[in-house]
PDB file of N, CA and C in Angstrom:
ATOM      1  N   UNK A   1       0.956  -1.451   0.132  1.00  0.00           N
ATOM      2  CA  UNK A   1       0.156  -0.091   0.023  1.00  0.00           C
ATOM      3  C   UNK A   1       0.900   0.918   0.204  1.00  0.00           C
ATOM      4  N   UNK A   2       0.476   2.343  -0.712  1.00  0.00           N
ATOM      5  CA  UNK A   2       1.125   3.510  -0.868  1.00  0.00           C
ATOM      6  C   UNK A   2       0.341   4.494  -0.052  1.00  0.00           C
ATOM      7  N   UNK A   3       1.015   4.998   0.889  1.00  0.00           N
ATOM      8  CA  UNK A   3       0.291   6.091   1.859  1.00  0.00           C
ATOM      9  C   UNK A   3       0.761   7.559   1.613  1.00  0.00           C
ATOM     10  N   UNK A   4      -0.046   8.488   1.411  1.00  0.00           N
ATOM     11  CA  UNK A   4       0.168   9.763   1.162  1.00  0.00           C
ATOM     12  C   UNK A   4      -0.556  10.753   2.320  1.00  0.00           C
ATOM     13  N   UNK A   5       0.101  11.615   2.922  1.00  0.00           N
ATOM     14  CA  UNK A   5      -0.259  12.790   3.851  1.00  0.00           C
ATOM     15  C   UNK A   5      -0.593  13.913   3.147  1.00  0.00           C
ATOM     16  N   UNK A   6      -1.797  14.269   2.823  1.00  0.00           N
ATOM     17  CA  UNK A   6      -2.442  15.915   2.368  1.00  0.00           C
ATOM     18  C   UNK A   6      -2.555  16.737   3.109  1.00  0.00           C
ATOM     19  N   UNK A   7      -2.535  18.024   2.813  1.00  0.00           N
ATOM     20  CA  UNK A   7      -2.798  18.980   3.871  1.00  0.00           C
ATOM     21  C   UNK A   7      -4.268  19.377   3.726  1.00  0.00           C
ATOM     22  N   UNK A   8      -4.663  19.005   2.572  1.00  0.00           N
ATOM     23  CA  UNK A   8      -6.124  19.470   2.226  1.00  0.00           C
ATOM     24  C   UNK A   8      -6.977  18.730   1.218  1.00  0.00           C
ATOM     25  N   UNK A   9      -8.137  18.729   1.230  1.00  0.00           N
ATOM     26  CA  UNK A   9      -8.844  18.087   0.333  1.00  0.00           C
ATOM     27  C   UNK A   9      -8.548  18.175  -0.939  1.00  0.00           C
ATOM     28  N   UNK A  10      -8.287  19.448  -1.420  1.00  0.00           N
ATOM     29  CA  UNK A  10      -7.816  19.737  -2.965  1.00  0.00           C
ATOM     30  C   UNK A  10      -6.436  18.892  -3.088  1.00  0.00           C
ATOM     31  N   UNK A  11      -5.457  19.102  -2.379  1.00  0.00           N
ATOM     32  CA  UNK A  11      -4.260  18.152  -2.569  1.00  0.00           C
ATOM     33  C   UNK A  11      -4.635  16.607  -2.648  1.00  0.00           C
ATOM     34  N   UNK A  12      -5.288  16.350  -1.566  1.00  0.00           N
ATOM     35  CA  UNK A  12      -5.610  15.031  -1.453  1.00  0.00           C
ATOM     36  C   UNK A  12      -6.344  14.353  -2.795  1.00  0.00           C
ATOM     37  N   UNK A  13      -7.353  15.037  -3.289  1.00  0.00           N
ATOM     38  CA  UNK A  13      -7.605  14.822  -4.452  1.00  0.00           C
ATOM     39  C   UNK A  13      -7.099  14.887  -5.690  1.00  0.00           C
ATOM     40  N   UNK A  14      -6.046  15.923  -5.796  1.00  0.00           N
ATOM     41  CA  UNK A  14      -5.027  15.973  -6.939  1.00  0.00           C
ATOM     42  C   UNK A  14      -4.245  14.710  -7.209  1.00  0.00           C
ATOM     43  N   UNK A  15      -3.575  14.293  -5.949  1.00  0.00           N
ATOM     44  CA  UNK A  15      -2.730  13.268  -6.067  1.00  0.00           C
ATOM     45  C   UNK A  15      -3.405  11.889  -6.314  1.00  0.00           C
ATOM     46  N   UNK A  16      -4.367  11.866  -5.258  1.00  0.00           N
ATOM     47  CA  UNK A  16      -5.309  10.555  -5.842  1.00  0.00           C
ATOM     48  C   UNK A  16      -5.693  10.447  -6.926  1.00  0.00           C
ATOM     49  N   UNK A  17      -6.173  11.353  -7.607  1.00  0.00           N
ATOM     50  CA  UNK A  17      -6.639  11.061  -8.857  1.00  0.00           C
ATOM     51  C   UNK A  17      -5.524  10.375  -9.810  1.00  0.00           C
ATOM     52  N   UNK A  18      -4.151  11.293  -9.811  1.00  0.00           N
ATOM     53  CA  UNK A  18      -3.365  10.829 -10.480  1.00  0.00           C
ATOM     54  C   UNK A  18      -2.723   9.272 -10.366  1.00  0.00           C
ATOM     55  N   UNK A  19      -3.127   8.778  -9.109  1.00  0.00           N
ATOM     56  CA  UNK A  19      -2.693   7.275  -8.722  1.00  0.00           C
ATOM     57  C   UNK A  19      -3.890   6.406  -9.458  1.00  0.00           C
ATOM     58  N   UNK A  20      -5.355   6.894  -9.474  1.00  0.00           N
ATOM     59  CA  UNK A  20      -6.243   6.287  -9.816  1.00  0.00           C
ATOM     60  C   UNK A  20      -6.364   6.371 -11.223  1.00  0.00           C
ATOM     61  N   UNK A  21      -5.823   7.364 -11.887  1.00  0.00           N
ATOM     62  CA  UNK A  21      -5.814   7.300 -13.367  1.00  0.00           C
ATOM     63  C   UNK A  21      -4.512   6.135 -14.005  1.00  0.00           C
ATOM     64  N   UNK A  22      -3.845   5.756 -13.202  1.00  0.00           N
ATOM     65  CA  UNK A  22      -2.971   4.953 -13.339  1.00  0.00           C
ATOM     66  C   UNK A  22      -3.363   3.376 -13.413  1.00  0.00           C
ATOM     67  N   UNK A  23      -4.445   3.591 -12.474  1.00  0.00           N
ATOM     68  CA  UNK A  23      -5.561   2.160 -12.354  1.00  0.00           C
ATOM     69  C   UNK A  23      -5.278   1.359 -11.145  1.00  0.00           C
ATOM     70  N   UNK A  24      -4.425   2.350 -10.175  1.00  0.00           N
ATOM     71  CA  UNK A  24      -4.504   1.819  -8.785  1.00  0.00           C
ATOM     72  C   UNK A  24      -5.780   2.106  -7.787  1.00  0.00           C
ATOM     73  N   UNK A  25      -6.460   1.220  -6.984  1.00  0.00           N
ATOM     74  CA  UNK A  25      -7.440   1.257  -6.250  1.00  0.00           C
ATOM     75  C   UNK A  25      -6.994   2.194  -5.220  1.00  0.00           C
ATOM     76  N   UNK A  26      -7.513   3.488  -5.338  1.00  0.00           N
ATOM     77  CA  UNK A  26      -7.316   4.803  -4.472  1.00  0.00           C
ATOM     78  C   UNK A  26      -8.235   5.135  -3.284  1.00  0.00           C
ATOM     79  N   UNK A  27      -8.124   5.411  -2.248  1.00  0.00           N
ATOM     80  CA  UNK A  27      -8.859   5.792  -1.186  1.00  0.00           C
ATOM     81  C   UNK A  27      -8.532   7.264  -0.718  1.00  0.00           C
ATOM     82  N   UNK A  28      -9.405   8.170  -0.567  1.00  0.00           N
ATOM     83  CA  UNK A  28      -9.237   9.441  -0.002  1.00  0.00           C
ATOM     84  C   UNK A  28      -9.833   9.390   1.148  1.00  0.00           C
ATOM     85  N   UNK A  29      -9.109   9.694   2.447  1.00  0.00           N
ATOM     86  CA  UNK A  29      -9.919   9.237   3.843  1.00  0.00           C
ATOM     87  C   UNK A  29      -9.335  10.507   4.667  1.00  0.00           C
ATOM     88  N   UNK A  30     -10.268  11.216   5.533  1.00  0.00           N
ATOM     89  CA  UNK A  30      -9.937  12.195   6.424  1.00  0.00           C
ATOM     90  C   UNK A  30      -9.218  11.409   7.870  1.00  0.00           C
ATOM     91  N   UNK A  31      -7.932  12.000   8.126  1.00  0.00           N
ATOM     92  CA  UNK A  31      -6.997  11.275   9.055  1.00  0.00           C
ATOM     93  C   UNK A  31      -7.567  11.122  10.420  1.00  0.00           C
ATOM     94  N   UNK A  32      -8.515  12.254  10.914  1.00  0.00           N
ATOM     95  CA  UNK A  32      -9.139  11.961  12.125  1.00  0.00           C
ATOM     96  C   UNK A  32     -10.235  10.731  12.039  1.00  0.00           C
ATOM     97  N   UNK A  33     -10.413  10.208  11.064  1.00  0.00           N
ATOM     98  CA  UNK A  33     -11.406   9.007  11.043  1.00  0.00           C
ATOM     99  C   UNK A  33     -10.887   7.914  10.825  1.00  0.00           C
ATOM    100  N   UNK A  34      -9.456   7.529  10.737  1.00  0.00           N
ATOM    101  CA  UNK A  34      -8.685   6.488  10.423  1.00  0.00           C
ATOM    102  C   UNK A  34      -8.561   5.846  11.974  1.00  0.00           C
ATOM    103  N   UNK A  35      -9.077   5.020  12.047  1.00  0.00           N
ATOM    104  CA  UNK A  35      -9.314   4.249  13.211  1.00  0.00           C
ATOM    105  C   UNK A  35      -8.935   2.772  12.925  1.00  0.00           C
ATOM    106  N   UNK A  36      -8.754   2.167  14.118  1.00  0.00           N
ATOM    107  CA  UNK A  36      -8.765   0.414  13.942  1.00  0.00           C
ATOM    108  C   UNK A  36      -9.675  -0.172  13.091  1.00  0.00           C
ATOM    109  N   UNK A  37     -10.939   0.309  13.522  1.00  0.00           N
ATOM    110  CA  UNK A  37     -12.019  -0.231  12.582  1.00  0.00           C
ATOM    111  C   UNK A  37     -12.172   0.397  11.144  1.00  0.00           C
ATOM    112  N   UNK A  38     -11.706   1.626  10.724  1.00  0.00           N
ATOM    113  CA  UNK A  38     -11.807   2.060   9.741  1.00  0.00           C
ATOM    114  C   UNK A  38     -10.820   1.081   8.724  1.00  0.00           C
ATOM    115  N   UNK A  39      -9.561   0.863   9.131  1.00  0.00           N
ATOM    116  CA  UNK A  39      -8.498  -0.087   8.476  1.00  0.00           C
ATOM    117  C   UNK A  39      -9.168  -1.276   8.343  1.00  0.00           C
ATOM    118  N   UNK A  40      -9.902  -1.947   9.041  1.00  0.00           N
ATOM    119  CA  UNK A  40     -10.336  -3.397   8.815  1.00  0.00           C
ATOM    120  C   UNK A  40     -11.703  -3.355   7.797  1.00  0.00           C
ATOM    121  N   UNK A  41     -11.999  -2.024   7.315  1.00  0.00           N
ATOM    122  CA  UNK A  41     -13.013  -1.803   6.127  1.00  0.00           C
ATOM    123  C   UNK A  41     -12.787  -2.576   5.203  1.00  0.00           C
ATOM    124  N   UNK A  42     -13.252  -3.043   4.501  1.00  0.00           N
ATOM    125  CA  UNK A  42     -13.161  -3.777   3.065  1.00  0.00           C
ATOM    126  C   UNK A  42     -12.548  -3.064   2.148  1.00  0.00           C
ATOM    127  N   UNK A  43     -13.219  -1.673   1.883  1.00  0.00           N
ATOM    128  CA  UNK A  43     -12.673  -0.697   0.716  1.00  0.00           C
ATOM    129  C   UNK A  43     -11.078  -0.302   1.199  1.00  0.00           C
ATOM    130  N   UNK A  44     -11.031  -0.203   2.665  1.00  0.00           N
ATOM    131  CA  UNK A  44      -9.640   0.395   2.987  1.00  0.00           C
ATOM    132  C   UNK A  44      -8.826  -0.807   2.753  1.00  0.00           C
ATOM    133  N   UNK A  45      -9.202  -2.155   3.079  1.00  0.00           N
ATOM    134  CA  UNK A  45      -8.033  -3.266   3.005  1.00  0.00           C
ATOM    135  C   UNK A  45      -7.841  -3.588   1.163  1.00  0.00           C
ATOM    136  N   UNK A  46      -8.704  -3.157   0.415  1.00  0.00           N
ATOM    137  CA  UNK A  46      -8.486  -3.328  -0.926  1.00  0.00           C
ATOM    138  C   UNK A  46      -7.862  -2.400  -1.763  1.00  0.00           C
ATOM    139  N   UNK A  47      -7.458  -1.208  -0.990  1.00  0.00           N
ATOM    140  CA  UNK A  47      -6.840   0.234  -1.542  1.00  0.00           C
ATOM    141  C   UNK A  47      -5.336  -0.308  -1.839  1.00  0.00           C
ATOM    142  N   UNK A  48      -4.992   0.295  -2.678  1.00  0.00           N
ATOM    143  CA  UNK A  48      -3.509   0.258  -3.026  1.00  0.00           C
ATOM    144  C   UNK A  48      -2.954   1.636  -2.497  1.00  0.00           C
ATOM    145  N   UNK A  49      -3.990   2.497  -2.825  1.00  0.00           N
ATOM    146  CA  UNK A  49      -3.042   3.759  -2.499  1.00  0.00           C
ATOM    147  C   UNK A  49      -4.097   4.341  -1.569  1.00  0.00           C
ATOM    148  N   UNK A  50      -3.799   5.148  -0.100  1.00  0.00           N
ATOM    149  CA  UNK A  50      -4.462   5.801   0.740  1.00  0.00           C
ATOM    150  C   UNK A  50      -4.070   7.139   0.814  1.00  0.00           C
ATOM    151  N   UNK A  51      -4.654   7.947   0.524  1.00  0.00           N
ATOM    152  CA  UNK A  51      -4.464   9.409   0.830  1.00  0.00           C
ATOM    153  C   UNK A  51      -5.232   9.982   2.121  1.00  0.00           C
ATOM    154  N   UNK A  52      -4.343  10.396   3.116  1.00  0.00           N
ATOM    155  CA  UNK A  52      -5.160  10.915   4.158  1.00  0.00           C
ATOM    156  C   UNK A  52      -5.138  12.556   4.319  1.00  0.00           C
ATOM    157  N   UNK A  53      -6.482  13.064   4.147  1.00  0.00           N
ATOM    158  CA  UNK A  53      -6.300  14.596   4.128  1.00  0.00           C
ATOM    159  C   UNK A  53      -6.415  15.152   5.657  1.00  0.00           C
ATOM    160  N   UNK A  54      -5.484  15.879   6.109  1.00  0.00           N
ATOM    161  CA  UNK A  54      -5.230  16.293   7.626  1.00  0.00           C
ATOM    162  C   UNK A  54      -5.885  17.499   7.774  1.00  0.00           C
ATOM    163  N   UNK A  55      -6.271  18.127   6.688  1.00  0.00           N
ATOM    164  CA  UNK A  55      -6.857  19.372   6.711  1.00  0.00           C
ATOM    165  C   UNK A  55      -6.160  20.444   7.547  1.00  0.00           C
ATOM    166  N   UNK A  56      -4.841  20.335   7.432  1.00  0.00           N
ATOM    167  CA  UNK A  56      -3.813  21.230   8.155  1.00  0.00           C
ATOM    168  C   UNK A  56      -3.608  22.575   7.777  1.00  0.00           C
ATOM    169  N   UNK A  57      -3.659  22.735   6.176  1.00  0.00           N
ATOM    170  CA  UNK A  57      -3.168  23.830   5.592  1.00  0.00           C
ATOM    171  C   UNK A  57      -3.324  24.994   6.300  1.00  0.00           C
ATOM    172  N   UNK A  58      -4.444  25.362   7.038  1.00  0.00           N
ATOM    173  CA  UNK A  58      -4.794  26.697   7.588  1.00  0.00           C
ATOM    174  C   UNK A  58      -4.467  26.725   8.903  1.00  0.00           C
ATOM    175  N   UNK A  59      -3.851  25.647   9.634  1.00  0.00           N
ATOM    176  CA  UNK A  59      -3.626  25.384  11.187  1.00  0.00           C
ATOM    177  C   UNK A  59      -2.133  26.094  11.190  1.00  0.00           C
ATOM    178  N   UNK A  60      -2.259  26.352  12.804  1.00  0.00           N
ATOM    179  CA  UNK A  60      -0.972  27.125  12.910  1.00  0.00           C
ATOM    180  C   UNK A  60       0.087  25.744  12.863  1.00  0.00           C
ATOM    181  N   UNK A  61       1.430  26.205  12.862  1.00  0.00           N
ATOM    182  CA  UNK A  61       2.634  25.253  12.762  1.00  0.00           C
ATOM    183  C   UNK A  61       2.502  24.260  13.520  1.00  0.00           C
ATOM    184  N   UNK A  62       2.219  24.238  15.083  1.00  0.00           N
ATOM    185  CA  UNK A  62       2.410  23.266  15.986  1.00  0.00           C
ATOM    186  C   UNK A  62       1.145  22.367  15.461  1.00  0.00           C
ATOM    187  N   UNK A  63       0.158  22.557  15.282  1.00  0.00           N
ATOM    188  CA  UNK A  63      -1.187  21.765  15.069  1.00  0.00           C
ATOM    189  C   UNK A  63      -0.927  21.140  13.583  1.00  0.00           C
ATOM    190  N   UNK A  64      -0.638  21.560  12.628  1.00  0.00           N
ATOM    191  CA  UNK A  64      -0.242  21.344  11.430  1.00  0.00           C
ATOM    192  C   UNK A  64       0.879  20.044  11.568  1.00  0.00           C
ATOM    193  N   UNK A  65       1.953  20.425  12.419  1.00  0.00           N
ATOM    194  CA  UNK A  65       2.844  19.187  12.827  1.00  0.00           C
ATOM    195  C   UNK A  65       2.297  18.046  13.234  1.00  0.00           C
ATOM    196  N   UNK A  66       1.639  18.361  14.308  1.00  0.00           N
ATOM    197  CA  UNK A  66       0.928  17.299  15.111  1.00  0.00           C
ATOM    198  C   UNK A  66      -0.003  16.476  14.331  1.00  0.00           C
ATOM    199  N   UNK A  67      -0.782  16.983  13.249  1.00  0.00           N
ATOM    200  CA  UNK A  67      -1.884  16.340  12.598  1.00  0.00           C
ATOM    201  C   UNK A  67      -0.716  15.375  11.644  1.00  0.00           C
ATOM    202  N   UNK A  68       0.283  15.980  10.740  1.00  0.00           N
ATOM    203  CA  UNK A  68       0.799  15.126   9.913  1.00  0.00           C
ATOM    204  C   UNK A  68       1.727  14.156  10.479  1.00  0.00           C
ATOM    205  N   UNK A  69       2.344  14.512  11.810  1.00  0.00           N
ATOM    206  CA  UNK A  69       3.032  13.087  12.472  1.00  0.00           C
ATOM    207  C   UNK A  69       2.017  12.167  12.586  1.00  0.00           C
ATOM    208  N   UNK A  70       0.763  12.480  13.138  1.00  0.00           N
ATOM    209  CA  UNK A  70      -0.043  11.570  13.706  1.00  0.00           C
ATOM    210  C   UNK A  70      -0.465  10.864  12.464  1.00  0.00           C
ATOM    211  N   UNK A  71      -0.807  11.440  11.220  1.00  0.00           N
ATOM    212  CA  UNK A  71      -1.459  10.745   9.982  1.00  0.00           C
ATOM    213  C   UNK A  71      -0.434   9.953   9.493  1.00  0.00           C
ATOM    214  N   UNK A  72       0.704  10.275   9.634  1.00  0.00           N
ATOM    215  CA  UNK A  72       2.135   9.472   9.195  1.00  0.00           C
ATOM    216  C   UNK A  72       2.175   7.945  10.247  1.00  0.00           C
ATOM    217  N   UNK A  73       1.933   8.142  11.544  1.00  0.00           N
ATOM    218  CA  UNK A  73       1.873   7.193  12.192  1.00  0.00           C
ATOM    219  C   UNK A  73       0.711   6.261  11.716  1.00  0.00           C
ATOM    220  N   UNK A  74      -0.543   6.712  11.659  1.00  0.00           N
ATOM    221  CA  UNK A  74      -1.713   5.768  11.418  1.00  0.00           C
ATOM    222  C   UNK A  74      -1.476   5.140  10.048  1.00  0.00           C
ATOM    223  N   UNK A  75      -0.727   5.764   9.180  1.00  0.00           N
ATOM    224  CA  UNK A  75      -0.553   5.059   7.773  1.00  0.00           C
ATOM    225  C   UNK A  75       0.164   3.987   8.007  1.00  0.00           C
ATOM    226  N   UNK A  76       1.446   3.626   8.915  1.00  0.00           N
ATOM    227  CA  UNK A  76       2.368   2.897   9.295  1.00  0.00           C
ATOM    228  C   UNK A  76       1.509   1.501   9.999  1.00  0.00           C
TER     229      UNK A  76
END
């Protein structure tokens, strides 16, 4: 699985659509909803690319860092 962290929905959609156009099963997901239950969802498990949208573009530096770090950890 390829994991990508995006800072807004537009960026998530842009990069996700590039992978989807190449034929990869791609899922765009809000990072704060990525729980253990979500990771067991059939659509998530079938995905070859998961793009997490942190929504952090307009956040202050510390909040954006925390969200990006947490999103990366969740992808692992």
